[in-house]
N, C-alpha and C. Protein backbone atom coordinates (compact mmCIF):
# COMPACT_ATOMS: atom_id res chain seq x y z
N MET A 1 259.88 247.76 -49.48
CA MET A 1 260.51 246.60 -49.19
C MET A 1 259.18 245.42 -49.29
N SER A 2 258.21 245.78 -49.18
CA SER A 2 257.12 244.91 -49.48
C SER A 2 257.07 244.38 -50.95
N VAL A 3 257.29 245.52 -51.90
CA VAL A 3 257.27 245.27 -53.26
C VAL A 3 258.43 244.16 -53.52
N LEU A 4 259.46 244.43 -53.17
CA LEU A 4 260.61 243.49 -53.24
C LEU A 4 260.57 242.34 -52.61
N ALA A 5 259.61 242.14 -51.52
CA ALA A 5 259.57 240.94 -50.83
C ALA A 5 258.50 240.01 -51.44
N ARG A 6 257.81 240.55 -52.54
CA ARG A 6 256.46 239.64 -53.43
C ARG A 6 257.27 239.58 -54.32
N ALA A 7 258.24 240.12 -54.87
CA ALA A 7 258.62 239.83 -56.42
C ALA A 7 259.77 238.76 -56.46
N GLY A 8 259.82 238.08 -57.66
CA GLY A 8 260.79 236.96 -57.78
C GLY A 8 262.05 237.56 -58.13
N THR A 9 262.98 236.71 -57.92
CA THR A 9 264.29 236.72 -58.23
C THR A 9 264.45 237.32 -59.83
N ASP A 10 263.80 236.52 -60.65
CA ASP A 10 263.90 237.07 -62.17
C ASP A 10 263.43 238.34 -62.48
N GLU A 11 262.17 238.50 -61.87
CA GLU A 11 261.69 240.01 -62.24
C GLU A 11 262.60 241.10 -61.66
N ILE A 12 263.13 240.78 -60.53
CA ILE A 12 264.17 241.91 -60.06
C ILE A 12 265.46 241.98 -60.95
N ALA A 13 265.76 240.88 -61.33
CA ALA A 13 266.99 240.65 -62.09
C ALA A 13 266.92 241.27 -63.20
N ALA A 14 265.65 240.96 -64.01
CA ALA A 14 265.44 241.54 -65.20
C ALA A 14 265.30 243.21 -65.49
N LEU A 15 264.68 243.79 -64.29
CA LEU A 15 264.69 245.07 -64.12
C LEU A 15 266.08 245.97 -63.85
N LEU A 16 266.80 245.15 -63.12
CA LEU A 16 268.18 245.70 -62.99
C LEU A 16 269.35 245.78 -63.82
N THR A 17 268.87 245.07 -65.10
CA THR A 17 269.84 245.53 -66.30
C THR A 17 269.33 246.63 -66.97
N ASN A 18 268.27 247.67 -66.62
CA ASN A 18 268.09 248.71 -67.16
C ASN A 18 268.81 249.83 -66.36
N VAL A 19 269.37 249.62 -65.33
CA VAL A 19 270.02 250.57 -64.30
C VAL A 19 271.43 250.60 -64.37
N PRO A 20 272.26 251.53 -64.11
CA PRO A 20 273.56 251.41 -63.94
C PRO A 20 273.88 250.27 -62.55
N ALA A 21 275.34 250.06 -62.73
CA ALA A 21 275.51 248.95 -61.97
C ALA A 21 275.48 249.39 -60.35
N LEU A 22 274.87 248.45 -59.75
CA LEU A 22 274.87 248.42 -58.28
C LEU A 22 276.09 248.56 -57.58
N PRO A 23 276.28 249.25 -56.64
CA PRO A 23 277.56 249.36 -55.95
C PRO A 23 278.01 248.06 -55.44
N ALA A 24 279.38 247.70 -55.18
CA ALA A 24 279.89 246.62 -54.59
C ALA A 24 279.30 246.57 -53.17
N HIS A 25 279.05 244.99 -52.62
CA HIS A 25 278.40 244.90 -51.30
C HIS A 25 279.12 243.79 -50.68
N VAL A 26 278.94 243.92 -49.52
CA VAL A 26 279.68 242.84 -48.48
C VAL A 26 278.47 242.23 -47.62
N ARG A 27 278.35 241.18 -47.63
CA ARG A 27 277.34 240.50 -46.65
C ARG A 27 277.69 240.38 -45.18
N LEU A 28 276.71 241.19 -44.65
CA LEU A 28 276.88 241.05 -43.04
C LEU A 28 276.17 240.00 -42.50
N ARG A 29 275.36 239.67 -42.98
CA ARG A 29 274.48 238.28 -42.37
C ARG A 29 273.65 237.54 -43.56
N GLY A 30 274.10 236.22 -43.64
CA GLY A 30 273.04 235.50 -44.60
C GLY A 30 273.71 235.67 -45.99
N PRO A 31 273.04 235.26 -47.04
CA PRO A 31 271.58 234.87 -46.76
C PRO A 31 271.39 233.80 -46.03
N GLU A 32 270.66 233.56 -45.10
CA GLU A 32 270.21 232.36 -44.39
C GLU A 32 268.55 232.23 -44.06
N ALA A 33 268.29 230.80 -44.28
CA ALA A 33 266.92 230.44 -44.29
C ALA A 33 266.70 230.00 -42.71
N GLY A 34 265.24 230.50 -42.19
CA GLY A 34 264.83 229.96 -40.97
C GLY A 34 263.32 229.88 -40.78
N LEU A 35 262.91 230.00 -39.81
CA LEU A 35 261.26 229.75 -39.45
C LEU A 35 260.98 231.08 -38.76
N VAL A 36 259.77 231.47 -38.82
CA VAL A 36 259.14 232.36 -38.17
C VAL A 36 257.81 232.20 -37.74
N MET A 37 257.10 232.30 -36.56
CA MET A 37 256.07 231.86 -35.95
C MET A 37 254.85 232.84 -36.55
N LEU A 38 253.77 232.41 -37.28
CA LEU A 38 252.79 233.22 -37.71
C LEU A 38 251.51 233.03 -36.54
N ARG A 39 251.27 234.48 -36.19
CA ARG A 39 250.05 234.37 -35.25
C ARG A 39 248.80 234.93 -35.98
N GLY A 40 247.85 234.51 -35.26
CA GLY A 40 246.48 234.66 -35.84
C GLY A 40 245.40 235.57 -34.73
N ARG A 41 244.43 235.68 -35.09
CA ARG A 41 243.23 235.99 -33.88
C ARG A 41 242.09 235.54 -34.59
N ALA A 42 241.13 234.90 -33.72
CA ALA A 42 240.12 234.18 -33.89
C ALA A 42 239.20 235.48 -34.03
N GLY A 43 238.35 235.54 -35.19
CA GLY A 43 237.43 236.43 -35.44
C GLY A 43 237.93 238.11 -35.52
N GLY A 44 239.27 237.90 -35.74
CA GLY A 44 239.99 239.27 -35.74
C GLY A 44 240.01 240.26 -34.73
N ALA A 45 239.41 239.84 -33.46
CA ALA A 45 239.64 240.58 -32.21
C ALA A 45 239.72 239.64 -31.02
N GLY A 46 239.77 238.44 -31.30
CA GLY A 46 239.83 237.47 -30.14
C GLY A 46 241.32 237.54 -29.66
N ALA A 47 241.52 236.33 -28.79
CA ALA A 47 243.03 236.19 -28.29
C ALA A 47 243.72 235.61 -29.44
N ALA A 48 245.07 236.03 -29.35
CA ALA A 48 246.14 235.57 -30.21
C ALA A 48 246.31 234.20 -30.04
N PHE A 49 246.66 233.57 -31.26
CA PHE A 49 246.99 231.99 -31.25
C PHE A 49 248.30 231.80 -32.02
N ASN A 50 249.19 230.69 -31.81
CA ASN A 50 249.95 230.35 -33.03
C ASN A 50 249.35 229.55 -33.94
N LEU A 51 249.38 230.16 -35.47
CA LEU A 51 249.02 229.70 -36.31
C LEU A 51 249.59 228.61 -37.21
N GLY A 52 251.03 228.73 -36.92
CA GLY A 52 251.86 227.99 -37.78
C GLY A 52 253.14 228.44 -37.98
N GLU A 53 254.06 227.79 -38.62
CA GLU A 53 255.43 228.47 -38.97
C GLU A 53 255.65 228.59 -40.42
N MET A 54 256.34 229.62 -40.85
CA MET A 54 256.72 229.94 -42.17
C MET A 54 258.22 229.90 -42.46
N THR A 55 258.51 229.46 -43.76
CA THR A 55 260.02 229.62 -44.10
C THR A 55 260.42 231.05 -44.47
N VAL A 56 261.33 231.68 -44.10
CA VAL A 56 262.05 232.83 -44.25
C VAL A 56 263.23 233.10 -44.77
N THR A 57 263.68 233.90 -45.54
CA THR A 57 265.11 233.98 -45.86
C THR A 57 265.37 235.49 -45.55
N ARG A 58 266.72 235.66 -44.66
CA ARG A 58 266.95 237.08 -44.40
C ARG A 58 268.28 237.38 -44.71
N CYS A 59 268.62 238.60 -45.28
CA CYS A 59 269.93 239.04 -45.77
C CYS A 59 270.13 240.40 -45.29
N THR A 60 271.44 240.52 -44.89
CA THR A 60 272.02 241.98 -44.41
C THR A 60 273.15 242.47 -45.35
N VAL A 61 273.11 243.62 -45.97
CA VAL A 61 274.60 243.78 -46.59
C VAL A 61 274.85 245.09 -46.51
N ARG A 62 276.10 245.58 -46.61
CA ARG A 62 276.64 246.81 -46.59
C ARG A 62 277.25 247.36 -47.78
N ILE A 63 276.89 248.43 -48.25
CA ILE A 63 277.48 248.76 -49.81
C ILE A 63 278.77 249.58 -49.50
N ALA A 64 279.61 250.15 -50.56
CA ALA A 64 280.79 250.81 -50.43
C ALA A 64 280.50 252.02 -49.75
N ASP A 65 279.50 252.67 -50.05
CA ASP A 65 279.21 254.03 -49.37
C ASP A 65 278.72 254.02 -47.78
N GLY A 66 278.50 252.78 -47.30
CA GLY A 66 278.42 252.63 -45.93
C GLY A 66 276.77 252.36 -45.53
N GLN A 67 276.00 252.61 -46.45
CA GLN A 67 274.31 252.20 -46.11
C GLN A 67 274.35 250.58 -46.10
N VAL A 68 273.77 250.40 -45.22
CA VAL A 68 273.34 248.94 -44.77
C VAL A 68 271.89 248.60 -44.98
N GLY A 69 271.58 247.50 -45.87
CA GLY A 69 270.20 247.13 -46.24
C GLY A 69 270.04 245.64 -45.62
N HIS A 70 268.74 245.64 -45.49
CA HIS A 70 268.11 244.21 -44.77
C HIS A 70 267.01 243.98 -45.51
N ALA A 71 266.95 242.66 -45.57
CA ALA A 71 265.57 242.17 -46.34
C ALA A 71 265.29 240.70 -45.82
N TYR A 72 263.95 240.46 -45.47
CA TYR A 72 263.33 239.35 -45.17
C TYR A 72 262.32 239.05 -46.36
N VAL A 73 262.42 237.78 -46.82
CA VAL A 73 261.55 237.32 -48.04
C VAL A 73 260.99 236.00 -47.78
N ALA A 74 259.86 235.60 -47.98
CA ALA A 74 259.12 234.38 -47.66
C ALA A 74 259.85 233.18 -48.64
N GLY A 75 259.97 232.14 -47.98
CA GLY A 75 260.42 231.19 -48.90
C GLY A 75 262.02 230.84 -48.56
N ARG A 76 262.78 230.13 -49.52
CA ARG A 76 264.07 229.77 -49.29
C ARG A 76 265.04 230.50 -50.55
N ASP A 77 264.54 231.50 -51.19
CA ASP A 77 265.32 232.09 -52.58
C ASP A 77 266.36 233.13 -51.82
N ALA A 78 267.54 232.65 -51.50
CA ALA A 78 268.67 233.41 -51.11
C ALA A 78 269.10 234.52 -52.12
N MET A 79 268.76 234.28 -53.36
CA MET A 79 269.19 235.29 -54.61
C MET A 79 268.23 236.62 -54.25
N GLN A 80 267.06 236.15 -54.05
CA GLN A 80 266.12 237.34 -53.94
C GLN A 80 266.30 238.09 -52.61
N ALA A 81 266.68 237.46 -51.47
CA ALA A 81 266.83 238.09 -50.33
C ALA A 81 268.09 239.03 -50.41
N GLU A 82 269.14 238.38 -51.24
CA GLU A 82 270.16 239.35 -51.32
C GLU A 82 270.04 240.63 -52.27
N LEU A 83 269.22 240.34 -53.14
CA LEU A 83 269.01 241.51 -54.16
C LEU A 83 268.29 242.45 -53.31
N ALA A 84 267.25 241.95 -52.72
CA ALA A 84 266.29 243.05 -51.93
C ALA A 84 267.32 243.72 -50.94
N ALA A 85 267.95 243.23 -50.40
CA ALA A 85 268.65 243.85 -49.42
C ALA A 85 269.95 244.76 -49.88
N LEU A 86 270.48 244.54 -51.15
CA LEU A 86 271.30 245.39 -51.82
C LEU A 86 270.33 246.60 -52.35
N LEU A 87 269.37 246.45 -52.91
CA LEU A 87 268.38 247.35 -53.25
C LEU A 87 267.77 248.52 -51.98
N ASP A 88 267.63 247.73 -50.87
CA ASP A 88 267.45 248.44 -49.82
C ASP A 88 268.44 249.55 -49.51
N ALA A 89 269.78 248.77 -49.44
CA ALA A 89 270.84 249.67 -49.10
C ALA A 89 271.06 251.00 -50.25
N ALA A 90 271.00 250.45 -51.45
CA ALA A 90 271.34 251.25 -52.65
C ALA A 90 270.08 252.59 -52.65
N LEU A 91 269.00 252.24 -52.21
CA LEU A 91 267.65 253.23 -52.24
C LEU A 91 267.89 254.43 -51.02
N GLN A 92 268.80 253.88 -49.99
CA GLN A 92 269.09 254.92 -49.05
C GLN A 92 269.96 255.94 -49.52
N ASP A 93 270.54 255.81 -50.73
CA ASP A 93 271.49 256.81 -51.25
C ASP A 93 270.68 257.62 -52.12
N PRO A 94 270.53 258.94 -51.69
CA PRO A 94 269.83 259.89 -52.47
C PRO A 94 270.30 260.07 -53.96
N ALA A 95 271.47 259.82 -54.34
CA ALA A 95 271.85 259.89 -55.71
C ALA A 95 271.29 258.75 -56.68
N ARG A 96 271.03 257.69 -55.70
CA ARG A 96 270.54 256.39 -56.67
C ARG A 96 269.04 256.15 -56.50
N HIS A 97 268.35 256.72 -55.41
CA HIS A 97 267.15 256.49 -55.09
C HIS A 97 266.03 256.73 -55.82
N ASP A 98 265.95 257.99 -56.80
CA ASP A 98 264.92 258.04 -57.60
C ASP A 98 265.27 257.14 -59.00
N ALA A 99 266.44 257.10 -59.31
CA ALA A 99 266.39 256.15 -60.48
C ALA A 99 266.15 254.66 -60.22
N LEU A 100 266.41 254.13 -59.26
CA LEU A 100 266.10 252.95 -58.67
C LEU A 100 264.50 252.55 -58.56
N GLN A 101 263.94 253.93 -57.94
CA GLN A 101 262.53 253.74 -57.51
C GLN A 101 261.67 253.76 -58.98
N ALA A 102 262.39 254.44 -60.04
CA ALA A 102 261.32 254.37 -61.35
C ALA A 102 261.78 253.12 -62.14
N ALA A 103 263.00 252.71 -61.96
CA ALA A 103 263.49 251.56 -62.94
C ALA A 103 262.93 250.08 -62.43
N VAL A 104 263.19 250.14 -60.87
CA VAL A 104 262.78 248.74 -60.44
C VAL A 104 261.52 248.75 -59.48
N ILE A 105 261.63 249.52 -58.64
CA ILE A 105 260.40 249.61 -57.75
C ILE A 105 258.92 249.83 -58.44
N ALA A 106 258.86 250.87 -59.20
CA ALA A 106 257.56 251.30 -59.59
C ALA A 106 257.12 250.35 -60.75
N PRO A 107 258.01 249.73 -61.62
CA PRO A 107 257.29 248.56 -62.36
C PRO A 107 256.89 247.38 -61.59
N LEU A 108 257.71 246.87 -60.63
CA LEU A 108 257.24 245.85 -59.74
C LEU A 108 256.07 246.04 -59.23
N ALA A 109 255.86 247.28 -58.63
CA ALA A 109 254.54 247.50 -57.98
C ALA A 109 253.44 247.53 -58.86
N ALA A 110 253.54 247.97 -60.21
CA ALA A 110 252.43 248.09 -61.01
C ALA A 110 251.95 246.98 -61.43
N ARG A 111 253.07 245.78 -61.50
CA ARG A 111 252.86 244.42 -62.05
C ARG A 111 252.06 243.63 -60.80
N GLN A 112 252.53 244.13 -59.55
CA GLN A 112 251.75 243.33 -58.57
C GLN A 112 250.52 243.77 -58.19
N LEU A 113 250.18 245.12 -58.52
CA LEU A 113 248.83 245.58 -58.47
C LEU A 113 247.80 245.16 -59.61
N ALA A 114 248.29 244.93 -60.74
CA ALA A 114 247.71 244.47 -61.71
C ALA A 114 247.29 243.07 -61.49
N ALA A 115 248.26 242.11 -60.95
CA ALA A 115 247.96 240.80 -60.78
C ALA A 115 246.77 240.65 -59.57
N ARG A 116 246.97 241.68 -58.58
CA ARG A 116 246.09 241.54 -57.56
C ARG A 116 244.53 241.99 -57.97
N ASP A 117 244.54 242.85 -58.89
CA ASP A 117 243.31 243.34 -59.64
C ASP A 117 242.51 242.19 -60.49
N ALA A 118 243.56 241.41 -61.37
CA ALA A 118 243.16 240.26 -62.07
C ALA A 118 242.40 239.37 -61.13
N ALA A 119 243.14 239.05 -60.00
CA ALA A 119 242.69 237.98 -59.26
C ALA A 119 241.30 238.48 -58.58
N ALA A 120 241.26 239.69 -57.98
CA ALA A 120 239.91 240.11 -57.63
C ALA A 120 238.82 240.20 -58.71
N ARG A 121 239.24 240.41 -60.10
CA ARG A 121 238.05 240.22 -60.89
C ARG A 121 237.52 239.00 -61.23
N ARG A 122 238.74 237.85 -60.98
CA ARG A 122 238.18 236.31 -61.07
C ARG A 122 237.10 236.15 -60.06
N ALA A 123 237.76 236.75 -58.88
CA ALA A 123 236.72 236.25 -57.62
C ALA A 123 235.64 236.95 -57.73
N ALA A 124 235.36 238.23 -58.11
CA ALA A 124 234.17 238.65 -58.05
C ALA A 124 233.13 238.12 -59.30
N ALA A 125 233.80 237.36 -60.27
CA ALA A 125 232.97 236.85 -61.40
C ALA A 125 232.24 235.65 -60.76
N THR A 126 232.56 235.03 -59.80
CA THR A 126 232.09 233.93 -58.95
C THR A 126 231.07 234.51 -57.85
N ARG A 127 230.93 235.76 -57.69
CA ARG A 127 230.14 236.22 -56.43
C ARG A 127 228.74 235.80 -56.62
N VAL A 128 228.03 235.29 -55.55
CA VAL A 128 226.66 234.96 -55.28
C VAL A 128 225.83 236.03 -54.54
N GLU A 129 224.87 236.52 -55.00
CA GLU A 129 224.08 237.37 -54.31
C GLU A 129 222.93 236.64 -53.54
N PHE A 130 223.02 236.57 -52.24
CA PHE A 130 222.07 235.58 -51.73
C PHE A 130 220.78 236.30 -51.53
N PHE A 131 220.90 237.48 -51.25
CA PHE A 131 219.57 238.32 -51.21
C PHE A 131 218.81 238.33 -52.45
N THR A 132 219.39 238.41 -53.52
CA THR A 132 218.74 238.39 -55.03
C THR A 132 218.27 237.01 -55.14
N MET A 133 219.16 236.00 -54.73
CA MET A 133 218.33 234.48 -54.59
C MET A 133 217.16 234.26 -53.89
N ALA A 134 217.06 234.82 -52.89
CA ALA A 134 216.02 234.72 -51.74
C ALA A 134 214.64 235.34 -52.32
N THR A 135 214.96 236.53 -53.09
CA THR A 135 213.77 237.19 -53.68
C THR A 135 213.23 236.51 -54.94
N MET A 136 214.25 235.60 -55.65
CA MET A 136 213.79 235.05 -56.82
C MET A 136 212.98 233.91 -56.64
N ARG A 137 212.98 233.21 -55.45
CA ARG A 137 212.09 232.24 -54.97
C ARG A 137 210.59 232.46 -55.15
N THR A 138 209.96 231.38 -55.73
CA THR A 138 208.40 231.88 -55.69
C THR A 138 207.90 230.82 -54.81
N THR A 139 206.90 231.21 -54.20
CA THR A 139 206.00 230.53 -53.18
C THR A 139 204.96 229.57 -53.72
N GLU A 140 204.67 228.38 -53.30
CA GLU A 140 203.63 227.68 -54.03
C GLU A 140 202.53 227.58 -52.98
């Protein structure tokens, strides 16, 4: 679900063209946008505090086979939430699981990992070694 929550609607829809048609579904809730409170901790171990609010869209669907899928995605993209909920329900079906995992989830996860690695490499290129800089100083 985290892979689907981080993927864009266009990415998901493009990968769904490579799989057999998803089953018909009925919306049980949403998609609807709302706010959630983000909590934080000072220093990672301190007392919790309210950091702020974030917009989230949620959706719940039921497919014809009876499986129920849920999705919460950041932002206001109703189609992304509905597709993620539909895939959540379809992935619960053992007959569809492996095909959807290989055709949709694995490629999305690989793209997200590549993007994370690229961002880490860009950040690492700007890293400054303060210990090295301290030893390079000359005393006069």
